[in-house]
Amino acid sequence: MRCALCAIALIGTIAASQAMRQKTVITPGEIETATMTIRRIDVAKRFVVLRGDDGSEMGVFAPPEFTRFNELQMGDRVTITYYESIVYQLRRPHTSRPAVSDEAAATESRAALPGATFSHQVTESVTVTAVNRDAGSITVKSRDGRTVSRRVQNPSDLDVVKRGDHIDITYTEALLATVARAK
């Protein structure tokens, strides 16, 4: 799962798409679904290794909120649906920043087999510190001083962005995990 730094890392595509100074833009949410098989369970570390049908592997940490961790079995098929979206707004000069927020929620399934839904939303404001129209890139700084530079998809969109502009970013992700017993 991503964090506020990841949201800032996406600034290249976020700021570049800004067509008007006061417009709020929502990037289309992306949904990915994969079904994998549990290959290893580390109970002490609450860690599961999943393997896809193509042989790829992925490690997943089960947070303490997932109380049915002990019900997982080697060979169980786990279907994970992942969703993410980004909302951003180029803020007017002299308007206050929204409070930084970082919220997470978890809901465990009541189905016969374990499963859960996890969601995470981060809102952060960044300040544009540099715009390089020739290189098609933008540099931003977060409240805590992290600086990130990224190339943008459409360099002409940088025409409406200048040093000192503030961009508010809300990054949302959600994950739904369901388990099926191997037959």
Foldseek 3Di string as FASTA:
>chain_A
DDDVVVLVQCVQAVLLPDDDQFDKDKDDKDKDKFKWFFADADPVQQKTWTAGPVGDIDIDHDDVVQVCSVQDDGGKIKMKMKMKMKMKHFDDPPDDDDDWDKDKDKDWDPDPGTKIKIKIKTKFKWFWADQDLVQQKTWIATPVGDIYMDHHPDSVSCVNPDGGIMMIMMMMMMMIMDIDHHD
